[in-house]
């Protein structure tokens, strides 16, 4: 009996046995993974978006300012627990915990 055809087969068997011992769970490659675990979705509630109003912006690099409900904030300042981390010409970016919130400057209508 010729042993050459059995050599690749025995290597394949050794490799699959070694992979099976890694403890990695097998999954169906044609099933899409869940984006969020159901347990986390039911127990974690999202932080509500801030309810304050952005009135004005001054964009000047690291010294940019934002007027929030009449209070002037510089980068890094906190307002109602939200920290100002970015100011652009049209919006601000606030951070609270691991969440970030964009507050846009409302368009003004003529009276």
PDB file of N, CA and C in Angstrom:
ATOM      1  N   UNK A   1       0.846  -1.191   0.000  1.00  0.00           N
ATOM      2  CA  UNK A   1       0.000   0.000   0.000  1.00  0.00           C
ATOM      3  C   UNK A   1       0.884   1.245   0.000  1.00  0.00           C
ATOM      4  N   UNK A   2       0.529   2.193  -0.838  1.00  0.00           N
ATOM      5  CA  UNK A   2       1.286   3.436  -0.970  1.00  0.00           C
ATOM      6  C   UNK A   2       0.853   4.408   0.140  1.00  0.00           C
ATOM      7  N   UNK A   3       1.791   4.944   0.928  1.00  0.00           N
ATOM      8  CA  UNK A   3       1.496   5.811   2.070  1.00  0.00           C
ATOM      9  C   UNK A   3       1.473   7.297   1.708  1.00  0.00           C
ATOM     10  N   UNK A   4       1.904   7.660   0.486  1.00  0.00           N
ATOM     11  CA  UNK A   4       1.953   9.079   0.115  1.00  0.00           C
ATOM     12  C   UNK A   4       0.584   9.763   0.192  1.00  0.00           C
ATOM     13  N   UNK A   5      -0.511   9.180  -0.278  1.00  0.00           N
ATOM     14  CA  UNK A   5      -1.805   9.871  -0.176  1.00  0.00           C
ATOM     15  C   UNK A   5      -2.279  10.042   1.273  1.00  0.00           C
ATOM     16  N   UNK A   6      -1.818   9.225   2.171  1.00  0.00           N
ATOM     17  CA  UNK A   6      -2.252   9.332   3.559  1.00  0.00           C
ATOM     18  C   UNK A   6      -1.533  10.443   4.325  1.00  0.00           C
ATOM     19  N   UNK A   7      -0.382  10.851   3.855  1.00  0.00           N
ATOM     20  CA  UNK A   7       0.394  11.882   4.546  1.00  0.00           C
ATOM     21  C   UNK A   7      -0.367  13.210   4.638  1.00  0.00           C
ATOM     22  N   UNK A   8      -0.905  13.779   3.526  1.00  0.00           N
ATOM     23  CA  UNK A   8      -1.676  15.033   3.656  1.00  0.00           C
ATOM     24  C   UNK A   8      -2.929  14.869   4.521  1.00  0.00           C
ATOM     25  N   UNK A   9      -3.560  13.710   4.418  1.00  0.00           N
ATOM     26  CA  UNK A   9      -4.755  13.473   5.216  1.00  0.00           C
ATOM     27  C   UNK A   9      -4.421  13.452   6.708  1.00  0.00           C
ATOM     28  N   UNK A  10      -3.323  12.820   7.063  1.00  0.00           N
ATOM     29  CA  UNK A  10      -2.944  12.775   8.473  1.00  0.00           C
ATOM     30  C   UNK A  10      -2.546  14.162   8.985  1.00  0.00           C
ATOM     31  N   UNK A  11      -1.897  14.978   8.153  1.00  0.00           N
ATOM     32  CA  UNK A  11      -1.586  16.359   8.550  1.00  0.00           C
ATOM     33  C   UNK A  11      -2.859  17.166   8.775  1.00  0.00           C
ATOM     34  N   UNK A  12      -3.827  16.991   7.901  1.00  0.00           N
ATOM     35  CA  UNK A  12      -5.098  17.700   8.031  1.00  0.00           C
ATOM     36  C   UNK A  12      -5.807  17.290   9.323  1.00  0.00           C
ATOM     37  N   UNK A  13      -5.808  16.004   9.623  1.00  0.00           N
ATOM     38  CA  UNK A  13      -6.441  15.526  10.856  1.00  0.00           C
ATOM     39  C   UNK A  13      -5.749  16.082  12.094  1.00  0.00           C
ATOM     40  N   UNK A  14      -4.428  16.138  12.076  1.00  0.00           N
ATOM     41  CA  UNK A  14      -3.694  16.709  13.209  1.00  0.00           C
ATOM     42  C   UNK A  14      -4.000  18.194  13.380  1.00  0.00           C
ATOM     43  N   UNK A  15      -4.069  18.920  12.262  1.00  0.00           N
ATOM     44  CA  UNK A  15      -4.341  20.359  12.325  1.00  0.00           C
ATOM     45  C   UNK A  15      -5.741  20.632  12.851  1.00  0.00           C
ATOM     46  N   UNK A  16      -6.738  19.898  12.376  1.00  0.00           N
ATOM     47  CA  UNK A  16      -8.106  20.135  12.848  1.00  0.00           C
ATOM     48  C   UNK A  16      -8.261  19.737  14.304  1.00  0.00           C
ATOM     49  N   UNK A  17      -7.558  18.717  14.735  1.00  0.00           N
ATOM     50  CA  UNK A  17      -7.601  18.327  16.146  1.00  0.00           C
ATOM     51  C   UNK A  17      -6.964  19.408  17.011  1.00  0.00           C
ATOM     52  N   UNK A  18      -5.862  19.973  16.549  1.00  0.00           N
ATOM     53  CA  UNK A  18      -5.197  21.039  17.302  1.00  0.00           C
ATOM     54  C   UNK A  18      -6.085  22.270  17.385  1.00  0.00           C
ATOM     55  N   UNK A  19      -6.787  22.594  16.308  1.00  0.00           N
ATOM     56  CA  UNK A  19      -7.685  23.748  16.321  1.00  0.00           C
ATOM     57  C   UNK A  19      -8.880  23.507  17.228  1.00  0.00           C
ATOM     58  N   UNK A  20      -9.358  22.294  17.290  1.00  0.00           N
ATOM     59  CA  UNK A  20     -10.508  21.989  18.135  1.00  0.00           C
ATOM     60  C   UNK A  20     -10.157  22.126  19.608  1.00  0.00           C
ATOM     61  N   UNK A  21      -8.899  21.932  19.967  1.00  0.00           N
ATOM     62  CA  UNK A  21      -8.483  22.019  21.363  1.00  0.00           C
ATOM     63  C   UNK A  21      -8.234  23.450  21.832  1.00  0.00           C
ATOM     64  N   UNK A  22      -8.367  24.454  20.960  1.00  0.00           N
ATOM     65  CA  UNK A  22      -8.088  25.828  21.367  1.00  0.00           C
ATOM     66  C   UNK A  22      -9.185  26.406  22.241  1.00  0.00           C
ATOM     67  N   UNK A  23     -10.350  25.785  22.281  1.00  0.00           N
ATOM     68  CA  UNK A  23     -11.441  26.285  23.098  1.00  0.00           C
ATOM     69  C   UNK A  23     -12.232  27.392  22.425  1.00  0.00           C
ATOM     70  N   UNK A  24     -11.923  27.701  21.190  1.00  0.00           N
ATOM     71  CA  UNK A  24     -12.656  28.725  20.454  1.00  0.00           C
ATOM     72  C   UNK A  24     -14.037  28.178  20.094  1.00  0.00           C
ATOM     73  N   UNK A  25     -15.098  28.890  20.415  1.00  0.00           N
ATOM     74  CA  UNK A  25     -16.427  28.398  20.055  1.00  0.00           C
ATOM     75  C   UNK A  25     -16.623  28.466  18.543  1.00  0.00           C
ATOM     76  N   UNK A  26     -17.277  27.469  18.016  1.00  0.00           N
ATOM     77  CA  UNK A  26     -17.570  27.448  16.589  1.00  0.00           C
ATOM     78  C   UNK A  26     -18.884  28.173  16.359  1.00  0.00           C
ATOM     79  N   UNK A  27     -18.984  28.865  15.251  1.00  0.00           N
ATOM     80  CA  UNK A  27     -20.229  29.545  14.911  1.00  0.00           C
ATOM     81  C   UNK A  27     -20.502  29.364  13.433  1.00  0.00           C
ATOM     82  N   UNK A  28     -21.754  29.528  13.065  1.00  0.00           N
ATOM     83  CA  UNK A  28     -22.153  29.414  11.671  1.00  0.00           C
ATOM     84  C   UNK A  28     -21.629  30.638  10.925  1.00  0.00           C
ATOM     85  N   UNK A  29     -20.792  30.468   9.908  1.00  0.00           N
ATOM     86  CA  UNK A  29     -20.225  31.624   9.215  1.00  0.00           C
ATOM     87  C   UNK A  29     -21.237  32.387   8.372  1.00  0.00           C
ATOM     88  N   UNK A  30     -22.433  31.830   8.186  1.00  0.00           N
ATOM     89  CA  UNK A  30     -23.438  32.485   7.359  1.00  0.00           C
ATOM     90  C   UNK A  30     -24.476  33.244   8.180  1.00  0.00           C
ATOM     91  N   UNK A  31     -24.343  33.216   9.498  1.00  0.00           N
ATOM     92  CA  UNK A  31     -25.257  33.945  10.375  1.00  0.00           C
ATOM     93  C   UNK A  31     -24.586  35.246  10.785  1.00  0.00           C
ATOM     94  N   UNK A  32     -25.306  36.352  10.649  1.00  0.00           N
ATOM     95  CA  UNK A  32     -24.755  37.652  11.033  1.00  0.00           C
ATOM     96  C   UNK A  32     -24.638  37.738  12.547  1.00  0.00           C
ATOM     97  N   UNK A  33     -23.526  38.290  13.039  1.00  0.00           N
ATOM     98  CA  UNK A  33     -23.378  38.416  14.492  1.00  0.00           C
ATOM     99  C   UNK A  33     -24.323  39.478  15.038  1.00  0.00           C
ATOM    100  N   UNK A  34     -24.700  39.317  16.306  1.00  0.00           N
ATOM    101  CA  UNK A  34     -25.551  40.308  16.950  1.00  0.00           C
ATOM    102  C   UNK A  34     -24.759  41.588  17.142  1.00  0.00           C
ATOM    103  N   UNK A  35     -25.409  42.736  16.942  1.00  0.00           N
ATOM    104  CA  UNK A  35     -24.725  44.007  17.119  1.00  0.00           C
ATOM    105  C   UNK A  35     -24.661  44.402  18.584  1.00  0.00           C
ATOM    106  N   UNK A  36     -25.635  43.987  19.366  1.00  0.00           N
ATOM    107  CA  UNK A  36     -25.650  44.305  20.790  1.00  0.00           C
ATOM    108  C   UNK A  36     -26.311  43.154  21.517  1.00  0.00           C
ATOM    109  N   UNK A  37     -25.776  42.794  22.647  1.00  0.00           N
ATOM    110  CA  UNK A  37     -26.344  41.674  23.388  1.00  0.00           C
ATOM    111  C   UNK A  37     -27.707  42.070  23.951  1.00  0.00           C
ATOM    112  N   UNK A  38     -28.690  41.175  23.913  1.00  0.00           N
ATOM    113  CA  UNK A  38     -30.029  41.511  24.406  1.00  0.00           C
ATOM    114  C   UNK A  38     -30.046  41.901  25.880  1.00  0.00           C
ATOM    115  N   UNK A  39     -29.218  41.285  26.706  1.00  0.00           N
ATOM    116  CA  UNK A  39     -29.206  41.622  28.132  1.00  0.00           C
ATOM    117  C   UNK A  39     -28.758  43.056  28.344  1.00  0.00           C
ATOM    118  N   UNK A  40     -27.757  43.489  27.598  1.00  0.00           N
ATOM    119  CA  UNK A  40     -27.268  44.857  27.735  1.00  0.00           C
ATOM    120  C   UNK A  40     -28.294  45.856  27.214  1.00  0.00           C
ATOM    121  N   UNK A  41     -28.992  45.505  26.157  1.00  0.00           N
ATOM    122  CA  UNK A  41     -29.968  46.414  25.574  1.00  0.00           C
ATOM    123  C   UNK A  41     -31.121  46.684  26.535  1.00  0.00           C
ATOM    124  N   UNK A  42     -31.486  45.716  27.348  1.00  0.00           N
ATOM    125  CA  UNK A  42     -32.617  45.917  28.243  1.00  0.00           C
ATOM    126  C   UNK A  42     -32.216  46.595  29.548  1.00  0.00           C
ATOM    127  N   UNK A  43     -30.960  46.441  29.981  1.00  0.00           N
ATOM    128  CA  UNK A  43     -30.580  46.996  31.275  1.00  0.00           C
ATOM    129  C   UNK A  43     -29.918  48.365  31.178  1.00  0.00           C
ATOM    130  N   UNK A  44     -29.308  48.696  30.047  1.00  0.00           N
ATOM    131  CA  UNK A  44     -28.602  49.960  29.909  1.00  0.00           C
ATOM    132  C   UNK A  44     -29.512  50.982  29.238  1.00  0.00           C
ATOM    133  N   UNK A  45     -29.681  52.121  29.886  1.00  0.00           N
ATOM    134  CA  UNK A  45     -30.470  53.181  29.285  1.00  0.00           C
ATOM    135  C   UNK A  45     -29.530  54.273  28.811  1.00  0.00           C
ATOM    136  N   UNK A  46     -29.809  54.792  27.630  1.00  0.00           N
ATOM    137  CA  UNK A  46     -28.968  55.839  27.061  1.00  0.00           C
ATOM    138  C   UNK A  46     -29.179  57.143  27.823  1.00  0.00           C
ATOM    139  N   UNK A  47     -28.100  57.898  27.928  1.00  0.00           N
ATOM    140  CA  UNK A  47     -28.156  59.220  28.551  1.00  0.00           C
ATOM    141  C   UNK A  47     -28.977  60.129  27.635  1.00  0.00           C
ATOM    142  N   UNK A  48     -29.953  60.870  28.182  1.00  0.00           N
ATOM    143  CA  UNK A  48     -30.733  61.756  27.323  1.00  0.00           C
ATOM    144  C   UNK A  48     -29.863  62.882  26.761  1.00  0.00           C
ATOM    145  N   UNK A  49     -30.213  63.331  25.577  1.00  0.00           N
ATOM    146  CA  UNK A  49     -29.480  64.430  24.951  1.00  0.00           C
ATOM    147  C   UNK A  49     -29.667  65.695  25.782  1.00  0.00           C
ATOM    148  N   UNK A  50     -28.669  66.564  25.783  1.00  0.00           N
ATOM    149  CA  UNK A  50     -28.790  67.799  26.559  1.00  0.00           C
ATOM    150  C   UNK A  50     -29.948  68.657  26.054  1.00  0.00           C
ATOM    151  N   UNK A  51     -30.592  69.343  26.986  1.00  0.00           N
ATOM    152  CA  UNK A  51     -31.761  70.147  26.614  1.00  0.00           C
ATOM    153  C   UNK A  51     -31.443  71.632  26.512  1.00  0.00           C
ATOM    154  N   UNK A  52     -30.166  72.005  26.637  1.00  0.00           N
ATOM    155  CA  UNK A  52     -29.836  73.425  26.578  1.00  0.00           C
ATOM    156  C   UNK A  52     -29.746  73.907  25.131  1.00  0.00           C
ATOM    157  N   UNK A  53     -29.712  75.248  24.974  1.00  0.00           N
ATOM    158  CA  UNK A  53     -29.718  75.870  23.651  1.00  0.00           C
ATOM    159  C   UNK A  53     -28.388  76.549  23.378  1.00  0.00           C
ATOM    160  N   UNK A  54     -27.845  76.287  22.215  1.00  0.00           N
ATOM    161  CA  UNK A  54     -26.625  76.948  21.765  1.00  0.00           C
ATOM    162  C   UNK A  54     -27.037  78.264  21.125  1.00  0.00           C
ATOM    163  N   UNK A  55     -26.593  79.378  21.714  1.00  0.00           N
ATOM    164  CA  UNK A  55     -27.004  80.697  21.229  1.00  0.00           C
ATOM    165  C   UNK A  55     -25.995  81.335  20.295  1.00  0.00           C
ATOM    166  N   UNK A  56     -24.692  81.151  20.573  1.00  0.00           N
ATOM    167  CA  UNK A  56     -23.664  81.800  19.749  1.00  0.00           C
ATOM    168  C   UNK A  56     -22.363  81.023  19.853  1.00  0.00           C
ATOM    169  N   UNK A  57     -21.508  81.236  18.846  1.00  0.00           N
ATOM    170  CA  UNK A  57     -20.198  80.585  18.800  1.00  0.00           C
ATOM    171  C   UNK A  57     -19.128  81.590  18.438  1.00  0.00           C
ATOM    172  N   UNK A  58     -17.941  81.409  19.001  1.00  0.00           N
ATOM    173  CA  UNK A  58     -16.766  82.166  18.598  1.00  0.00           C
ATOM    174  C   UNK A  58     -15.681  81.134  18.326  1.00  0.00           C
ATOM    175  N   UNK A  59     -15.345  80.966  17.040  1.00  0.00           N
ATOM    176  CA  UNK A  59     -14.361  79.957  16.650  1.00  0.00           C
ATOM    177  C   UNK A  59     -13.003  80.626  16.569  1.00  0.00           C
ATOM    178  N   UNK A  60     -12.086  80.217  17.470  1.00  0.00           N
ATOM    179  CA  UNK A  60     -10.744  80.797  17.523  1.00  0.00           C
ATOM    180  C   UNK A  60      -9.738  79.748  17.986  1.00  0.00           C
ATOM    181  N   UNK A  61      -9.770  78.570  17.353  1.00  0.00           N
ATOM    182  CA  UNK A  61      -8.821  77.516  17.702  1.00  0.00           C
ATOM    183  C   UNK A  61      -9.004  77.033  19.128  1.00  0.00           C
ATOM    184  N   UNK A  62      -7.904  77.028  19.897  1.00  0.00           N
ATOM    185  CA  UNK A  62      -7.953  76.548  21.280  1.00  0.00           C
ATOM    186  C   UNK A  62      -8.680  77.492  22.222  1.00  0.00           C
ATOM    187  N   UNK A  63      -8.931  78.724  21.784  1.00  0.00           N
ATOM    188  CA  UNK A  63      -9.629  79.693  22.633  1.00  0.00           C
ATOM    189  C   UNK A  63     -11.070  79.911  22.171  1.00  0.00           C
ATOM    190  N   UNK A  64     -11.635  78.944  21.450  1.00  0.00           N
ATOM    191  CA  UNK A  64     -13.019  79.046  20.977  1.00  0.00           C
ATOM    192  C   UNK A  64     -13.979  79.086  22.158  1.00  0.00           C
ATOM    193  N   UNK A  65     -15.113  79.754  21.950  1.00  0.00           N
ATOM    194  CA  UNK A  65     -16.117  79.917  22.996  1.00  0.00           C
ATOM    195  C   UNK A  65     -17.492  79.532  22.468  1.00  0.00           C
ATOM    196  N   UNK A  66     -18.382  79.158  23.384  1.00  0.00           N
ATOM    197  CA  UNK A  66     -19.766  78.860  23.040  1.00  0.00           C
ATOM    198  C   UNK A  66     -20.670  79.492  24.090  1.00  0.00           C
ATOM    199  N   UNK A  67     -21.786  80.057  23.639  1.00  0.00           N
ATOM    200  CA  UNK A  67     -22.783  80.635  24.529  1.00  0.00           C
ATOM    201  C   UNK A  67     -23.917  79.620  24.665  1.00  0.00           C
ATOM    202  N   UNK A  68     -24.028  79.035  25.845  1.00  0.00           N
ATOM    203  CA  UNK A  68     -25.069  78.048  26.127  1.00  0.00           C
ATOM    204  C   UNK A  68     -26.032  78.656  27.129  1.00  0.00           C
ATOM    205  N   UNK A  69     -27.250  78.928  26.684  1.00  0.00           N
ATOM    206  CA  UNK A  69     -28.287  79.516  27.543  1.00  0.00           C
ATOM    207  C   UNK A  69     -27.789  80.739  28.298  1.00  0.00           C
ATOM    208  N   UNK A  70     -26.947  81.555  27.648  1.00  0.00           N
ATOM    209  CA  UNK A  70     -26.439  82.777  28.257  1.00  0.00           C
ATOM    210  C   UNK A  70     -25.141  82.605  29.028  1.00  0.00           C
ATOM    211  N   UNK A  71     -24.639  81.400  29.150  1.00  0.00           N
ATOM    212  CA  UNK A  71     -23.375  81.135  29.843  1.00  0.00           C
ATOM    213  C   UNK A  71     -22.276  80.921  28.811  1.00  0.00           C
ATOM    214  N   UNK A  72     -21.171  81.671  28.947  1.00  0.00           N
ATOM    215  CA  UNK A  72     -20.046  81.554  28.016  1.00  0.00           C
ATOM    216  C   UNK A  72     -19.130  80.428  28.496  1.00  0.00           C
ATOM    217  N   UNK A  73     -18.870  79.483  27.604  1.00  0.00           N
ATOM    218  CA  UNK A  73     -18.017  78.337  27.924  1.00  0.00           C
ATOM    219  C   UNK A  73     -16.804  78.310  27.012  1.00  0.00           C
ATOM    220  N   UNK A  74     -15.652  77.998  27.593  1.00  0.00           N
ATOM    221  CA  UNK A  74     -14.430  77.760  26.819  1.00  0.00           C
ATOM    222  C   UNK A  74     -14.260  76.250  26.684  1.00  0.00           C
ATOM    223  N   UNK A  75     -13.365  75.842  25.797  1.00  0.00           N
ATOM    224  CA  UNK A  75     -13.096  74.414  25.634  1.00  0.00           C
ATOM    225  C   UNK A  75     -12.651  73.813  26.964  1.00  0.00           C
ATOM    226  N   UNK A  76     -13.237  72.683  27.326  1.00  0.00           N
ATOM    227  CA  UNK A  76     -12.919  72.018  28.586  1.00  0.00           C
ATOM    228  C   UNK A  76     -13.852  72.386  29.725  1.00  0.00           C
ATOM    229  N   UNK A  77     -14.625  73.482  29.583  1.00  0.00           N
ATOM    230  CA  UNK A  77     -15.574  73.872  30.628  1.00  0.00           C
ATOM    231  C   UNK A  77     -16.758  72.908  30.650  1.00  0.00           C
ATOM    232  N   UNK A  78     -17.400  72.824  31.821  1.00  0.00           N
ATOM    233  CA  UNK A  78     -18.574  71.972  31.965  1.00  0.00           C
ATOM    234  C   UNK A  78     -19.818  72.810  32.185  1.00  0.00           C
ATOM    235  N   UNK A  79     -20.926  72.316  31.639  1.00  0.00           N
ATOM    236  CA  UNK A  79     -22.225  72.952  31.814  1.00  0.00           C
ATOM    237  C   UNK A  79     -23.232  71.834  32.060  1.00  0.00           C
ATOM    238  N   UNK A  80     -23.828  71.827  33.224  1.00  0.00           N
ATOM    239  CA  UNK A  80     -24.846  70.833  33.567  1.00  0.00           C
ATOM    240  C   UNK A  80     -24.311  69.396  33.450  1.00  0.00           C
ATOM    241  N   UNK A  81     -23.012  69.206  33.731  1.00  0.00           N
ATOM    242  CA  UNK A  81     -22.408  67.879  33.665  1.00  0.00           C
ATOM    243  C   UNK A  81     -21.851  67.495  32.308  1.00  0.00           C
ATOM    244  N   UNK A  82     -22.048  68.349  31.302  1.00  0.00           N
ATOM    245  CA  UNK A  82     -21.540  68.094  29.948  1.00  0.00           C
ATOM    246  C   UNK A  82     -20.285  68.931  29.731  1.00  0.00           C
ATOM    247  N   UNK A  83     -19.221  68.316  29.248  1.00  0.00           N
ATOM    248  CA  UNK A  83     -17.950  69.020  29.022  1.00  0.00           C
ATOM    249  C   UNK A  83     -17.835  69.399  27.549  1.00  0.00           C
ATOM    250  N   UNK A  84     -17.518  70.677  27.283  1.00  0.00           N
ATOM    251  CA  UNK A  84     -17.347  71.181  25.919  1.00  0.00           C
ATOM    252  C   UNK A  84     -15.988  70.717  25.393  1.00  0.00           C
ATOM    253  N   UNK A  85     -15.994  69.964  24.280  1.00  0.00           N
ATOM    254  CA  UNK A  85     -14.729  69.446  23.755  1.00  0.00           C
ATOM    255  C   UNK A  85     -14.400  69.950  22.358  1.00  0.00           C
ATOM    256  N   UNK A  86     -15.375  70.550  21.655  1.00  0.00           N
ATOM    257  CA  UNK A  86     -15.089  71.037  20.304  1.00  0.00           C
ATOM    258  C   UNK A  86     -16.083  72.119  19.915  1.00  0.00           C
ATOM    259  N   UNK A  87     -15.589  73.107  19.161  1.00  0.00           N
ATOM    260  CA  UNK A  87     -16.437  74.180  18.637  1.00  0.00           C
ATOM    261  C   UNK A  87     -16.103  74.354  17.164  1.00  0.00           C
ATOM    262  N   UNK A  88     -17.130  74.306  16.314  1.00  0.00           N
ATOM    263  CA  UNK A  88     -16.958  74.601  14.889  1.00  0.00           C
ATOM    264  C   UNK A  88     -17.839  75.794  14.553  1.00  0.00           C
ATOM    265  N   UNK A  89     -17.900  76.159  13.283  1.00  0.00           N
ATOM    266  CA  UNK A  89     -18.688  77.322  12.887  1.00  0.00           C
ATOM    267  C   UNK A  89     -20.184  77.105  13.030  1.00  0.00           C
ATOM    268  N   UNK A  90     -20.627  75.843  13.074  1.00  0.00           N
ATOM    269  CA  UNK A  90     -22.062  75.584  13.115  1.00  0.00           C
ATOM    270  C   UNK A  90     -22.535  74.776  14.316  1.00  0.00           C
ATOM    271  N   UNK A  91     -21.594  74.174  15.077  1.00  0.00           N
ATOM    272  CA  UNK A  91     -22.032  73.315  16.170  1.00  0.00           C
ATOM    273  C   UNK A  91     -20.949  73.152  17.229  1.00  0.00           C
ATOM    274  N   UNK A  92     -21.373  72.590  18.355  1.00  0.00           N
ATOM    275  CA  UNK A  92     -20.442  72.257  19.429  1.00  0.00           C
ATOM    276  C   UNK A  92     -20.524  70.757  19.676  1.00  0.00           C
ATOM    277  N   UNK A  93     -19.495  70.241  20.317  1.00  0.00           N
ATOM    278  CA  UNK A  93     -19.476  68.829  20.683  1.00  0.00           C
ATOM    279  C   UNK A  93     -19.249  68.749  22.188  1.00  0.00           C
ATOM    280  N   UNK A  94     -20.213  68.143  22.882  1.00  0.00           N
ATOM    281  CA  UNK A  94     -20.140  67.966  24.326  1.00  0.00           C
ATOM    282  C   UNK A  94     -19.936  66.496  24.648  1.00  0.00           C
ATOM    283  N   UNK A  95     -19.345  66.251  25.814  1.00  0.00           N
ATOM    284  CA  UNK A  95     -19.093  64.882  26.254  1.00  0.00           C
ATOM    285  C   UNK A  95     -19.583  64.730  27.684  1.00  0.00           C
ATOM    286  N   UNK A  96     -20.278  63.622  27.932  1.00  0.00           N
ATOM    287  CA  UNK A  96     -20.702  63.279  29.290  1.00  0.00           C
ATOM    288  C   UNK A  96     -20.494  61.780  29.439  1.00  0.00           C
ATOM    289  N   UNK A  97     -19.551  61.406  30.302  1.00  0.00           N
ATOM    290  CA  UNK A  97     -19.199  59.989  30.416  1.00  0.00           C
ATOM    291  C   UNK A  97     -18.543  59.530  29.128  1.00  0.00           C
ATOM    292  N   UNK A  98     -19.035  58.451  28.572  1.00  0.00           N
ATOM    293  CA  UNK A  98     -18.485  57.954  27.307  1.00  0.00           C
ATOM    294  C   UNK A  98     -19.332  58.380  26.117  1.00  0.00           C
ATOM    295  N   UNK A  99     -20.359  59.197  26.337  1.00  0.00           N
ATOM    296  CA  UNK A  99     -21.243  59.641  25.255  1.00  0.00           C
ATOM    297  C   UNK A  99     -20.863  61.036  24.777  1.00  0.00           C
ATOM    298  N   UNK A 100     -21.058  61.262  23.480  1.00  0.00           N
ATOM    299  CA  UNK A 100     -20.807  62.583  22.892  1.00  0.00           C
ATOM    300  C   UNK A 100     -22.082  63.098  22.240  1.00  0.00           C
ATOM    301  N   UNK A 101     -22.276  64.427  22.323  1.00  0.00           N
ATOM    302  CA  UNK A 101     -23.495  65.048  21.819  1.00  0.00           C
ATOM    303  C   UNK A 101     -23.140  66.272  20.992  1.00  0.00           C
ATOM    304  N   UNK A 102     -23.742  66.375  19.809  1.00  0.00           N
ATOM    305  CA  UNK A 102     -23.579  67.549  18.949  1.00  0.00           C
ATOM    306  C   UNK A 102     -24.773  68.476  19.176  1.00  0.00           C
ATOM    307  N   UNK A 103     -24.462  69.737  19.448  1.00  0.00           N
ATOM    308  CA  UNK A 103     -25.500  70.750  19.601  1.00  0.00           C
ATOM    309  C   UNK A 103     -25.282  71.760  18.485  1.00  0.00           C
ATOM    310  N   UNK A 104     -26.274  71.873  17.599  1.00  0.00           N
ATOM    311  CA  UNK A 104     -26.144  72.757  16.439  1.00  0.00           C
ATOM    312  C   UNK A 104     -26.692  74.134  16.747  1.00  0.00           C
ATOM    313  N   UNK A 105     -26.121  75.113  16.076  1.00  0.00           N
ATOM    314  CA  UNK A 105     -26.598  76.483  16.172  1.00  0.00           C
ATOM    315  C   UNK A 105     -27.872  76.577  15.344  1.00  0.00           C
ATOM    316  N   UNK A 106     -28.958  76.974  15.957  1.00  0.00           N
ATOM    317  CA  UNK A 106     -30.245  77.063  15.261  1.00  0.00           C
ATOM    318  C   UNK A 106     -30.218  78.213  14.261  1.00  0.00           C
ATOM    319  N   UNK A 107     -30.876  77.988  13.125  1.00  0.00           N
ATOM    320  CA  UNK A 107     -30.969  79.058  12.130  1.00  0.00           C
ATOM    321  C   UNK A 107     -31.919  80.127  12.650  1.00  0.00           C
ATOM    322  N   UNK A 108     -31.513  81.354  12.474  1.00  0.00           N
ATOM    323  CA  UNK A 108     -32.353  82.465  12.926  1.00  0.00           C
ATOM    324  C   UNK A 108     -33.296  82.873  11.792  1.00  0.00           C
ATOM    325  N   UNK A 109     -34.529  83.138  12.155  1.00  0.00           N
ATOM    326  CA  UNK A 109     -35.501  83.600  11.167  1.00  0.00           C
ATOM    327  C   UNK A 109     -35.717  85.087  11.364  1.00  0.00           C
ATOM    328  N   UNK A 110     -35.954  85.796  10.273  1.00  0.00           N
ATOM    329  CA  UNK A 110     -36.178  87.242  10.383  1.00  0.00           C
ATOM    330  C   UNK A 110     -37.578  87.493  10.920  1.00  0.00           C
ATOM    331  N   UNK A 111     -37.695  88.587  11.680  1.00  0.00           N
ATOM    332  CA  UNK A 111     -38.994  88.906  12.296  1.00  0.00           C
ATOM    333  C   UNK A 111     -39.798  89.822  11.450  1.00  0.00           C
TER     334      UNK A 111
END
